[in-house]
Amino acid sequence: ASGSIFSIMEMGWYRQAPGKQRESVAAITSGDSTDY
């Protein structure tokens, strides 16, 4: 990440398979809480 990174509250990974909707895979907050 670059730019205004101080403002980021949460980052995550998504994925999209052919013919399917984009889905959330994992997320991590600025406080290091995670979700899968």
Full PDB file with SEQRES, HELIX, SHEET, SSBOND, CRYST1, ORIGX, SCALE, CONECT and MASTER records, all heavy atoms in Angstrom:
SEQRES   1 A   36  ALA SER GLY SER ILE PHE SER ILE MET GLU MET GLY TRP          
SEQRES   2 A   36  TYR ARG GLN ALA PRO GLY LYS GLN ARG GLU SER VAL ALA          
SEQRES   3 A   36  ALA ILE THR SER GLY ASP SER THR ASP TYR                      
HELIX    1 AA1 ILE A    5  SER A    7  5                                   3    
SHEET    1 AA1 3 GLU A  10  ARG A  15  0                                        
SHEET    2 AA1 3 GLU A  23  THR A  29 -1                                        
SHEET    3 AA1 3 THR A  34  ASP A  35 -1                                        
CRYST1    1.000    1.000    1.000  90.00  90.00  90.00 P 1           1          
ORIGX1      1.000000  0.000000  0.000000        0.00000                         
ORIGX2      0.000000  1.000000  0.000000        0.00000                         
ORIGX3      0.000000  0.000000  1.000000        0.00000                         
SCALE1      1.000000  0.000000  0.000000        0.00000                         
SCALE2      0.000000  1.000000  0.000000        0.00000                         
SCALE3      0.000000  0.000000  1.000000        0.00000                         
ATOM      1  N   ALA A   1       0.834  -1.198   0.000  1.00  0.00           N  
ATOM      2  CA  ALA A   1       0.000   0.000   0.000  1.00  0.00           C  
ATOM      3  C   ALA A   1       0.870   1.250   0.000  1.00  0.00           C  
ATOM      4  O   ALA A   1       1.929   1.282   0.631  1.00  0.00           O  
ATOM      5  CB  ALA A   1      -0.917   0.003   1.212  1.00  0.00           C  
ATOM      6  N   SER A   2       0.406   2.273  -0.696  1.00  0.00           N  
ATOM      7  CA  SER A   2       1.093   3.566  -0.703  1.00  0.00           C  
ATOM      8  C   SER A   2       0.051   4.666  -0.775  1.00  0.00           C  
ATOM      9  O   SER A   2      -1.118   4.418  -1.051  1.00  0.00           O  
ATOM     10  CB  SER A   2       2.080   3.660  -1.874  1.00  0.00           C  
ATOM     11  OG  SER A   2       1.395   3.530  -3.104  1.00  0.00           O  
ATOM     12  N   GLY A   3       0.499   5.894  -0.528  1.00  0.00           N  
ATOM     13  CA  GLY A   3      -0.430   7.020  -0.532  1.00  0.00           C  
ATOM     14  C   GLY A   3      -0.877   7.349   0.873  1.00  0.00           C  
ATOM     15  O   GLY A   3      -0.082   7.320   1.810  1.00  0.00           O  
ATOM     16  N   SER A   4      -2.146   7.619   1.047  1.00  0.00           N  
ATOM     17  CA  SER A   4      -2.691   8.041   2.344  1.00  0.00           C  
ATOM     18  C   SER A   4      -2.983   6.835   3.239  1.00  0.00           C  
ATOM     19  O   SER A   4      -4.119   6.613   3.673  1.00  0.00           O  
ATOM     20  CB  SER A   4      -3.961   8.855   2.129  1.00  0.00           C  
ATOM     21  OG  SER A   4      -3.706   9.993   1.334  1.00  0.00           O  
ATOM     22  N   ILE A   5      -1.934   6.071   3.537  1.00  0.00           N  
ATOM     23  CA  ILE A   5      -2.127   4.812   4.255  1.00  0.00           C  
ATOM     24  C   ILE A   5      -2.526   5.027   5.705  1.00  0.00           C  
ATOM     25  O   ILE A   5      -3.096   4.141   6.332  1.00  0.00           O  
ATOM     26  CB  ILE A   5      -0.872   3.937   4.174  1.00  0.00           C  
ATOM     27  CG1 ILE A   5       0.334   4.689   4.735  1.00  0.00           C  
ATOM     28  CG2 ILE A   5      -0.610   3.505   2.745  1.00  0.00           C  
ATOM     29  CD1 ILE A   5       1.589   3.853   4.801  1.00  0.00           C  
ATOM     30  N   PHE A   6      -2.259   6.223   6.245  1.00  0.00           N  
ATOM     31  CA  PHE A   6      -2.606   6.484   7.639  1.00  0.00           C  
ATOM     32  C   PHE A   6      -4.114   6.452   7.855  1.00  0.00           C  
ATOM     33  O   PHE A   6      -4.588   6.273   8.972  1.00  0.00           O  
ATOM     34  CB  PHE A   6      -2.075   7.864   8.049  1.00  0.00           C  
ATOM     35  CG  PHE A   6      -2.633   8.989   7.227  1.00  0.00           C  
ATOM     36  CD1 PHE A   6      -3.811   9.622   7.593  1.00  0.00           C  
ATOM     37  CD2 PHE A   6      -2.010   9.406   6.062  1.00  0.00           C  
ATOM     38  CE1 PHE A   6      -4.337  10.649   6.838  1.00  0.00           C  
ATOM     39  CE2 PHE A   6      -2.520  10.429   5.289  1.00  0.00           C  
ATOM     40  CZ  PHE A   6      -3.693  11.056   5.683  1.00  0.00           C  
ATOM     41  N   SER A   7      -4.864   6.631   6.770  1.00  0.00           N  
ATOM     42  CA  SER A   7      -6.323   6.694   6.876  1.00  0.00           C  
ATOM     43  C   SER A   7      -6.993   5.324   6.754  1.00  0.00           C  
ATOM     44  O   SER A   7      -8.205   5.211   6.933  1.00  0.00           O  
ATOM     45  CB  SER A   7      -6.879   7.611   5.782  1.00  0.00           C  
ATOM     46  OG  SER A   7      -6.575   7.070   4.503  1.00  0.00           O  
ATOM     47  N   ILE A   8      -6.201   4.293   6.455  1.00  0.00           N  
ATOM     48  CA  ILE A   8      -6.780   2.965   6.232  1.00  0.00           C  
ATOM     49  C   ILE A   8      -7.282   2.362   7.537  1.00  0.00           C  
ATOM     50  O   ILE A   8      -6.544   2.302   8.516  1.00  0.00           O  
ATOM     51  CB  ILE A   8      -5.760   2.027   5.577  1.00  0.00           C  
ATOM     52  CG1 ILE A   8      -5.376   2.544   4.188  1.00  0.00           C  
ATOM     53  CG2 ILE A   8      -6.335   0.617   5.478  1.00  0.00           C  
ATOM     54  CD1 ILE A   8      -4.275   1.751   3.537  1.00  0.00           C  
ATOM     55  N   MET A   9      -8.536   1.917   7.539  1.00  0.00           N  
ATOM     56  CA  MET A   9      -9.126   1.297   8.718  1.00  0.00           C  
ATOM     57  C   MET A   9      -9.090  -0.225   8.633  1.00  0.00           C  
ATOM     58  O   MET A   9      -8.972  -0.912   9.639  1.00  0.00           O  
ATOM     59  CB  MET A   9     -10.564   1.771   8.876  1.00  0.00           C  
ATOM     60  CG  MET A   9     -10.703   3.263   9.068  1.00  0.00           C  
ATOM     61  SD  MET A   9     -12.401   3.812   8.985  1.00  0.00           S  
ATOM     62  CE  MET A   9     -13.128   2.942  10.347  1.00  0.00           C  
ATOM     63  N   GLU A  10      -9.228  -0.718   7.427  1.00  0.00           N  
ATOM     64  CA  GLU A  10      -9.270  -2.163   7.248  1.00  0.00           C  
ATOM     65  C   GLU A  10      -8.716  -2.510   5.878  1.00  0.00           C  
ATOM     66  O   GLU A  10      -8.944  -1.782   4.911  1.00  0.00           O  
ATOM     67  CB  GLU A  10     -10.703  -2.675   7.371  1.00  0.00           C  
ATOM     68  CG  GLU A  10     -10.856  -4.178   7.212  1.00  0.00           C  
ATOM     69  CD  GLU A  10     -12.260  -4.659   7.490  1.00  0.00           C  
ATOM     70  OE1 GLU A  10     -12.719  -4.572   8.638  1.00  0.00           O  
ATOM     71  OE2 GLU A  10     -12.920  -5.109   6.536  1.00  0.00           O  
ATOM     72  N   MET A  11      -8.009  -3.638   5.802  1.00  0.00           N  
ATOM     73  CA  MET A  11      -7.553  -4.155   4.509  1.00  0.00           C  
ATOM     74  C   MET A  11      -8.011  -5.594   4.385  1.00  0.00           C  
ATOM     75  O   MET A  11      -8.216  -6.291   5.386  1.00  0.00           O  
ATOM     76  CB  MET A  11      -6.040  -4.059   4.385  1.00  0.00           C  
ATOM     77  CG  MET A  11      -5.544  -2.625   4.328  1.00  0.00           C  
ATOM     78  SD  MET A  11      -3.806  -2.483   3.928  1.00  0.00           S  
ATOM     79  CE  MET A  11      -3.806  -2.993   2.197  1.00  0.00           C  
ATOM     80  N   GLY A  12      -8.171  -6.008   3.162  1.00  0.00           N  
ATOM     81  CA  GLY A  12      -8.668  -7.356   2.980  1.00  0.00           C  
ATOM     82  C   GLY A  12      -8.294  -7.936   1.640  1.00  0.00           C  
ATOM     83  O   GLY A  12      -7.730  -7.260   0.786  1.00  0.00           O  
ATOM     84  N   TRP A  13      -8.615  -9.192   1.513  1.00  0.00           N  
ATOM     85  CA  TRP A  13      -8.436  -9.914   0.257  1.00  0.00           C  
ATOM     86  C   TRP A  13      -9.787 -10.434  -0.201  1.00  0.00           C  
ATOM     87  O   TRP A  13     -10.559 -10.982   0.598  1.00  0.00           O  
ATOM     88  CB  TRP A  13      -7.475 -11.084   0.432  1.00  0.00           C  
ATOM     89  CG  TRP A  13      -6.050 -10.668   0.624  1.00  0.00           C  
ATOM     90  CD1 TRP A  13      -5.392 -10.475   1.802  1.00  0.00           C  
ATOM     91  CD2 TRP A  13      -5.103 -10.383  -0.416  1.00  0.00           C  
ATOM     92  NE1 TRP A  13      -4.102 -10.096   1.558  1.00  0.00           N  
ATOM     93  CE2 TRP A  13      -3.898 -10.034   0.209  1.00  0.00           C  
ATOM     94  CE3 TRP A  13      -5.159 -10.413  -1.816  1.00  0.00           C  
ATOM     95  CZ2 TRP A  13      -2.749  -9.701  -0.508  1.00  0.00           C  
ATOM     96  CZ3 TRP A  13      -4.024 -10.077  -2.526  1.00  0.00           C  
ATOM     97  CH2 TRP A  13      -2.844  -9.728  -1.891  1.00  0.00           C  
ATOM     98  N   TYR A  14     -10.049 -10.249  -1.480  1.00  0.00           N  
ATOM     99  CA  TYR A  14     -11.241 -10.767  -2.128  1.00  0.00           C  
ATOM    100  C   TYR A  14     -10.792 -11.643  -3.288  1.00  0.00           C  
ATOM    101  O   TYR A  14      -9.646 -11.567  -3.716  1.00  0.00           O  
ATOM    102  CB  TYR A  14     -12.109  -9.623  -2.675  1.00  0.00           C  
ATOM    103  CG  TYR A  14     -12.839  -8.832  -1.622  1.00  0.00           C  
ATOM    104  CD1 TYR A  14     -12.168  -7.969  -0.764  1.00  0.00           C  
ATOM    105  CD2 TYR A  14     -14.220  -8.932  -1.493  1.00  0.00           C  
ATOM    106  CE1 TYR A  14     -12.846  -7.243   0.196  1.00  0.00           C  
ATOM    107  CE2 TYR A  14     -14.914  -8.205  -0.538  1.00  0.00           C  
ATOM    108  CZ  TYR A  14     -14.213  -7.364   0.298  1.00  0.00           C  
ATOM    109  OH  TYR A  14     -14.894  -6.638   1.244  1.00  0.00           O  
ATOM    110  N   ARG A  15     -11.714 -12.432  -3.785  1.00  0.00           N  
ATOM    111  CA  ARG A  15     -11.401 -13.228  -4.974  1.00  0.00           C  
ATOM    112  C   ARG A  15     -12.632 -13.332  -5.862  1.00  0.00           C  
ATOM    113  O   ARG A  15     -13.765 -13.230  -5.396  1.00  0.00           O  
ATOM    114  CB  ARG A  15     -10.893 -14.623  -4.601  1.00  0.00           C  
ATOM    115  CG  ARG A  15     -11.925 -15.531  -3.935  1.00  0.00           C  
ATOM    116  CD  ARG A  15     -11.258 -16.812  -3.479  1.00  0.00           C  
ATOM    117  NE  ARG A  15     -12.214 -17.726  -2.854  1.00  0.00           N  
ATOM    118  CZ  ARG A  15     -11.866 -18.859  -2.239  1.00  0.00           C  
ATOM    119  NH1 ARG A  15     -10.573 -19.218  -2.176  1.00  0.00           N  
ATOM    120  NH2 ARG A  15     -12.789 -19.637  -1.699  1.00  0.00           N  
ATOM    121  N   GLN A  16     -12.351 -13.513  -7.137  1.00  0.00           N  
ATOM    122  CA  GLN A  16     -13.428 -13.668  -8.104  1.00  0.00           C  
ATOM    123  C   GLN A  16     -13.058 -14.767  -9.086  1.00  0.00           C  
ATOM    124  O   GLN A  16     -12.065 -14.633  -9.816  1.00  0.00           O  
ATOM    125  CB  GLN A  16     -13.715 -12.368  -8.844  1.00  0.00           C  
ATOM    126  CG  GLN A  16     -14.929 -12.432  -9.738  1.00  0.00           C  
ATOM    127  CD  GLN A  16     -15.388 -11.066 -10.198  1.00  0.00           C  
ATOM    128  OE1 GLN A  16     -14.633 -10.088 -10.179  1.00  0.00           O  
ATOM    129  NE2 GLN A  16     -16.646 -10.962 -10.612  1.00  0.00           N  
ATOM    130  N   ALA A  17     -13.845 -15.822  -9.073  1.00  0.00           N  
ATOM    131  CA  ALA A  17     -13.658 -16.928 -10.008  1.00  0.00           C  
ATOM    132  C   ALA A  17     -14.498 -16.658 -11.252  1.00  0.00           C  
ATOM    133  O   ALA A  17     -15.476 -15.902 -11.203  1.00  0.00           O  
ATOM    134  CB  ALA A  17     -14.070 -18.238  -9.355  1.00  0.00           C  
ATOM    135  N   PRO A  18     -14.141 -17.272 -12.373  1.00  0.00           N  
ATOM    136  CA  PRO A  18     -14.905 -17.056 -13.608  1.00  0.00           C  
ATOM    137  C   PRO A  18     -16.381 -17.384 -13.421  1.00  0.00           C  
ATOM    138  O   PRO A  18     -16.732 -18.439 -12.894  1.00  0.00           O  
ATOM    139  CB  PRO A  18     -14.242 -18.020 -14.592  1.00  0.00           C  
ATOM    140  CG  PRO A  18     -12.857 -18.182 -14.087  1.00  0.00           C  
ATOM    141  CD  PRO A  18     -12.969 -18.130 -12.590  1.00  0.00           C  
ATOM    142  N   GLY A  19     -17.226 -16.451 -13.829  1.00  0.00           N  
ATOM    143  CA  GLY A  19     -18.658 -16.666 -13.744  1.00  0.00           C  
ATOM    144  C   GLY A  19     -19.257 -16.506 -12.367  1.00  0.00           C  
ATOM    145  O   GLY A  19     -20.454 -16.760 -12.176  1.00  0.00           O  
ATOM    146  N   LYS A  20     -18.438 -16.085 -11.401  1.00  0.00           N  
ATOM    147  CA  LYS A  20     -18.927 -15.941 -10.037  1.00  0.00           C  
ATOM    148  C   LYS A  20     -18.738 -14.513  -9.547  1.00  0.00           C  
ATOM    149  O   LYS A  20     -17.944 -13.757 -10.102  1.00  0.00           O  
ATOM    150  CB  LYS A  20     -18.211 -16.911  -9.102  1.00  0.00           C  
ATOM    151  CG  LYS A  20     -18.502 -18.378  -9.388  1.00  0.00           C  
ATOM    152  CD  LYS A  20     -17.908 -19.265  -8.315  1.00  0.00           C  
ATOM    153  CE  LYS A  20     -18.258 -20.726  -8.558  1.00  0.00           C  
ATOM    154  NZ  LYS A  20     -17.708 -21.608  -7.480  1.00  0.00           N  
ATOM    155  N   GLN A  21     -19.478 -14.183  -8.487  1.00  0.00           N  
ATOM    156  CA  GLN A  21     -19.342 -12.857  -7.905  1.00  0.00           C  
ATOM    157  C   GLN A  21     -18.074 -12.772  -7.070  1.00  0.00           C  
ATOM    158  O   GLN A  21     -17.569 -13.789  -6.567  1.00  0.00           O  
ATOM    159  CB  GLN A  21     -20.559 -12.549  -7.036  1.00  0.00           C  
ATOM    160  CG  GLN A  21     -21.845 -12.309  -7.818  1.00  0.00           C  
ATOM    161  CD  GLN A  21     -22.961 -11.804  -6.931  1.00  0.00           C  
ATOM    162  OE1 GLN A  21     -23.010 -12.102  -5.737  1.00  0.00           O  
ATOM    163  NE2 GLN A  21     -23.858 -11.022  -7.503  1.00  0.00           N  
ATOM    164  N   ARG A  22     -17.581 -11.559  -6.925  1.00  0.00           N  
ATOM    165  CA  ARG A  22     -16.422 -11.343  -6.060  1.00  0.00           C  
ATOM    166  C   ARG A  22     -16.838 -11.626  -4.625  1.00  0.00           C  
ATOM    167  O   ARG A  22     -17.907 -11.209  -4.178  1.00  0.00           O  
ATOM    168  CB  ARG A  22     -15.922  -9.916  -6.194  1.00  0.00           C  
ATOM    169  CG  ARG A  22     -14.604  -9.640  -5.518  1.00  0.00           C  
ATOM    170  CD  ARG A  22     -14.087  -8.248  -5.839  1.00  0.00           C  
ATOM    171  NE  ARG A  22     -13.799  -8.086  -7.267  1.00  0.00           N  
ATOM    172  CZ  ARG A  22     -13.179  -7.020  -7.766  1.00  0.00           C  
ATOM    173  NH1 ARG A  22     -12.771  -6.045  -6.971  1.00  0.00           N  
ATOM    174  NH2 ARG A  22     -12.966  -6.933  -9.066  1.00  0.00           N  
ATOM    175  N   GLU A  23     -15.974 -12.341  -3.885  1.00  0.00           N  
ATOM    176  CA  GLU A  23     -16.286 -12.691  -2.514  1.00  0.00           C  
ATOM    177  C   GLU A  23     -15.137 -12.325  -1.585  1.00  0.00           C  
ATOM    178  O   GLU A  23     -13.969 -12.335  -1.985  1.00  0.00           O  
ATOM    179  CB  GLU A  23     -16.575 -14.191  -2.387  1.00  0.00           C  
ATOM    180  CG  GLU A  23     -15.422 -15.101  -2.735  1.00  0.00           C  
ATOM    181  CD  GLU A  23     -15.723 -16.567  -2.481  1.00  0.00           C  
ATOM    182  OE1 GLU A  23     -16.797 -16.894  -1.945  1.00  0.00           O  
ATOM    183  OE2 GLU A  23     -14.859 -17.398  -2.827  1.00  0.00           O  
ATOM    184  N   SER A  24     -15.491 -12.019  -0.346  1.00  0.00           N  
ATOM    185  CA  SER A  24     -14.481 -11.712   0.653  1.00  0.00           C  
ATOM    186  C   SER A  24     -13.791 -12.989   1.095  1.00  0.00           C  
ATOM    187  O   SER A  24     -14.436 -14.017   1.314  1.00  0.00           O  
ATOM    188  CB  SER A  24     -15.125 -11.015   1.851  1.00  0.00           C  
ATOM    189  OG  SER A  24     -14.169 -10.802   2.865  1.00  0.00           O  
ATOM    190  N   VAL A  25     -12.486 -12.927   1.227  1.00  0.00           N  
ATOM    191  CA  VAL A  25     -11.694 -14.072   1.669  1.00  0.00           C  
ATOM    192  C   VAL A  25     -11.189 -13.858   3.096  1.00  0.00           C  
ATOM    193  O   VAL A  25     -11.336 -14.724   3.949  1.00  0.00           O  
ATOM    194  CB  VAL A  25     -10.504 -14.307   0.718  1.00  0.00           C  
ATOM    195  CG1 VAL A  25      -9.611 -15.420   1.234  1.00  0.00           C  
ATOM    196  CG2 VAL A  25     -10.992 -14.612  -0.690  1.00  0.00           C  
ATOM    197  N   ALA A  26     -10.585 -12.708   3.341  1.00  0.00           N  
ATOM    198  CA  ALA A  26     -10.013 -12.429   4.658  1.00  0.00           C  
ATOM    199  C   ALA A  26      -9.882 -10.928   4.830  1.00  0.00           C  
ATOM    200  O   ALA A  26      -9.749 -10.199   3.838  1.00  0.00           O  
ATOM    201  CB  ALA A  26      -8.655 -13.095   4.824  1.00  0.00           C  
ATOM    202  N   ALA A  27      -9.903 -10.481   6.075  1.00  0.00           N  
ATOM    203  CA  ALA A  27      -9.776  -9.058   6.364  1.00  0.00           C  
ATOM    204  C   ALA A  27      -8.992  -8.870   7.652  1.00  0.00           C  
ATOM    205  O   ALA A  27      -8.998  -9.746   8.532  1.00  0.00           O  
ATOM    206  CB  ALA A  27     -11.143  -8.403   6.472  1.00  0.00           C  
ATOM    207  N   ILE A  28      -8.317  -7.724   7.747  1.00  0.00           N  
ATOM    208  CA  ILE A  28      -7.579  -7.377   8.956  1.00  0.00           C  
ATOM    209  C   ILE A  28      -7.778  -5.894   9.222  1.00  0.00           C  
ATOM    210  O   ILE A  28      -7.670  -5.069   8.307  1.00  0.00           O  
ATOM    211  CB  ILE A  28      -6.088  -7.748   8.819  1.00  0.00           C  
ATOM    212  CG1 ILE A  28      -5.354  -7.507  10.137  1.00  0.00           C  
ATOM    213  CG2 ILE A  28      -5.423  -7.004   7.665  1.00  0.00           C  
ATOM    214  CD1 ILE A  28      -3.965  -8.161  10.177  1.00  0.00           C  
ATOM    215  N   THR A  29      -8.089  -5.562  10.468  1.00  0.00           N  
ATOM    216  CA  THR A  29      -8.324  -4.167  10.816  1.00  0.00           C  
ATOM    217  C   THR A  29      -7.031  -3.499  11.269  1.00  0.00           C  
ATOM    218  O   THR A  29      -6.007  -4.160  11.479  1.00  0.00           O  
ATOM    219  CB  THR A  29      -9.354  -4.060  11.939  1.00  0.00           C  
ATOM    220  OG1 THR A  29      -8.774  -4.579  13.150  1.00  0.00           O  
ATOM    221  CG2 THR A  29     -10.624  -4.838  11.610  1.00  0.00           C  
ATOM    222  N   SER A  30      -7.118  -2.196  11.466  1.00  0.00           N  
ATOM    223  CA  SER A  30      -5.954  -1.452  11.952  1.00  0.00           C  
ATOM    224  C   SER A  30      -5.567  -1.915  13.352  1.00  0.00           C  
ATOM    225  O   SER A  30      -4.420  -1.724  13.770  1.00  0.00           O  
ATOM    226  CB  SER A  30      -6.243   0.047  11.946  1.00  0.00           C  
ATOM    227  OG  SER A  30      -7.401   0.323  12.720  1.00  0.00           O  
ATOM    228  N   GLY A  31      -6.507  -2.537  14.072  1.00  0.00           N  
ATOM    229  CA  GLY A  31      -6.214  -3.088  15.392  1.00  0.00           C  
ATOM    230  C   GLY A  31      -5.820  -4.548  15.356  1.00  0.00           C  
ATOM    231  O   GLY A  31      -5.738  -5.200  16.396  1.00  0.00           O  
ATOM    232  N   ASP A  32      -5.589  -5.075  14.144  1.00  0.00           N  
ATOM    233  CA  ASP A  32      -5.136  -6.443  13.919  1.00  0.00           C  
ATOM    234  C   ASP A  32      -6.196  -7.509  14.190  1.00  0.00           C  
ATOM    235  O   ASP A  32      -5.868  -8.689  14.341  1.00  0.00           O  
ATOM    236  CB  ASP A  32      -3.865  -6.768  14.715  1.00  0.00           C  
ATOM    237  CG  ASP A  32      -2.636  -6.093  14.131  1.00  0.00           C  
ATOM    238  OD1 ASP A  32      -2.679  -5.747  12.927  1.00  0.00           O  
ATOM    239  OD2 ASP A  32      -1.662  -5.891  14.854  1.00  0.00           O  
ATOM    240  N   SER A  33      -7.448  -7.120  14.247  1.00  0.00           N  
ATOM    241  CA  SER A  33      -8.511  -8.132  14.277  1.00  0.00           C  
ATOM    242  C   SER A  33      -8.645  -8.741  12.887  1.00  0.00           C  
ATOM    243  O   SER A  33      -8.527  -8.018  11.887  1.00  0.00           O  
ATOM    244  CB  SER A  33      -9.843  -7.497  14.690  1.00  0.00           C  
ATOM    245  OG  SER A  33      -9.783  -7.040  16.013  1.00  0.00           O  
ATOM    246  N   THR A  34      -8.879 -10.032  12.835  1.00  0.00           N  
ATOM    247  CA  THR A  34      -8.968 -10.706  11.549  1.00  0.00           C  
ATOM    248  C   THR A  34     -10.306 -11.439  11.404  1.00  0.00           C  
ATOM    249  O   THR A  34     -10.958 -11.776  12.388  1.00  0.00           O  
ATOM    250  CB  THR A  34      -7.834 -11.723  11.372  1.00  0.00           C  
ATOM    251  OG1 THR A  34      -7.885 -12.688  12.428  1.00  0.00           O  
ATOM    252  CG2 THR A  34      -6.478 -11.036  11.384  1.00  0.00           C  
ATOM    253  N   ASP A  35     -10.658 -11.662  10.152  1.00  0.00           N  
ATOM    254  CA  ASP A  35     -11.886 -12.379   9.848  1.00  0.00           C  
ATOM    255  C   ASP A  35     -11.666 -13.158   8.566  1.00  0.00           C  
ATOM    256  O   ASP A  35     -10.938 -12.684   7.670  1.00  0.00           O  
ATOM    257  CB  ASP A  35     -13.052 -11.399   9.690  1.00  0.00           C  
ATOM    258  CG  ASP A  35     -14.394 -12.113   9.647  1.00  0.00           C  
ATOM    259  OD1 ASP A  35     -14.506 -13.199  10.269  1.00  0.00           O  
ATOM    260  OD2 ASP A  35     -15.329 -11.608   8.998  1.00  0.00           O  
ATOM    261  N   TYR A  36     -12.276 -14.330   8.476  1.00  0.00           N  
ATOM    262  CA  TYR A  36     -12.076 -15.195   7.328  1.00  0.00           C  
ATOM    263  C   TYR A  36     -13.400 -15.758   6.818  1.00  0.00           C  
ATOM    264  O   TYR A  36     -14.332 -15.995   7.594  1.00  0.00           O  
ATOM    265  CB  TYR A  36     -11.176 -16.378   7.695  1.00  0.00           C  
ATOM    266  CG  TYR A  36      -9.787 -15.987   8.122  1.00  0.00           C  
ATOM    267  CD1 TYR A  36      -9.481 -15.755   9.456  1.00  0.00           C  
ATOM    268  CD2 TYR A  36      -8.769 -15.837   7.185  1.00  0.00           C  
ATOM    269  CE1 TYR A  36      -8.215 -15.388   9.852  1.00  0.00           C  
ATOM    270  CE2 TYR A  36      -7.490 -15.475   7.569  1.00  0.00           C  
ATOM    271  CZ  TYR A  36      -7.223 -15.254   8.909  1.00  0.00           C  
ATOM    272  OH  TYR A  36      -5.961 -14.889   9.294  1.00  0.00           O  
TER     273      TYR A  36                                                      
MASTER        0    0    0    1    3    0    0    6  272    1    0    3          
END                                                                             
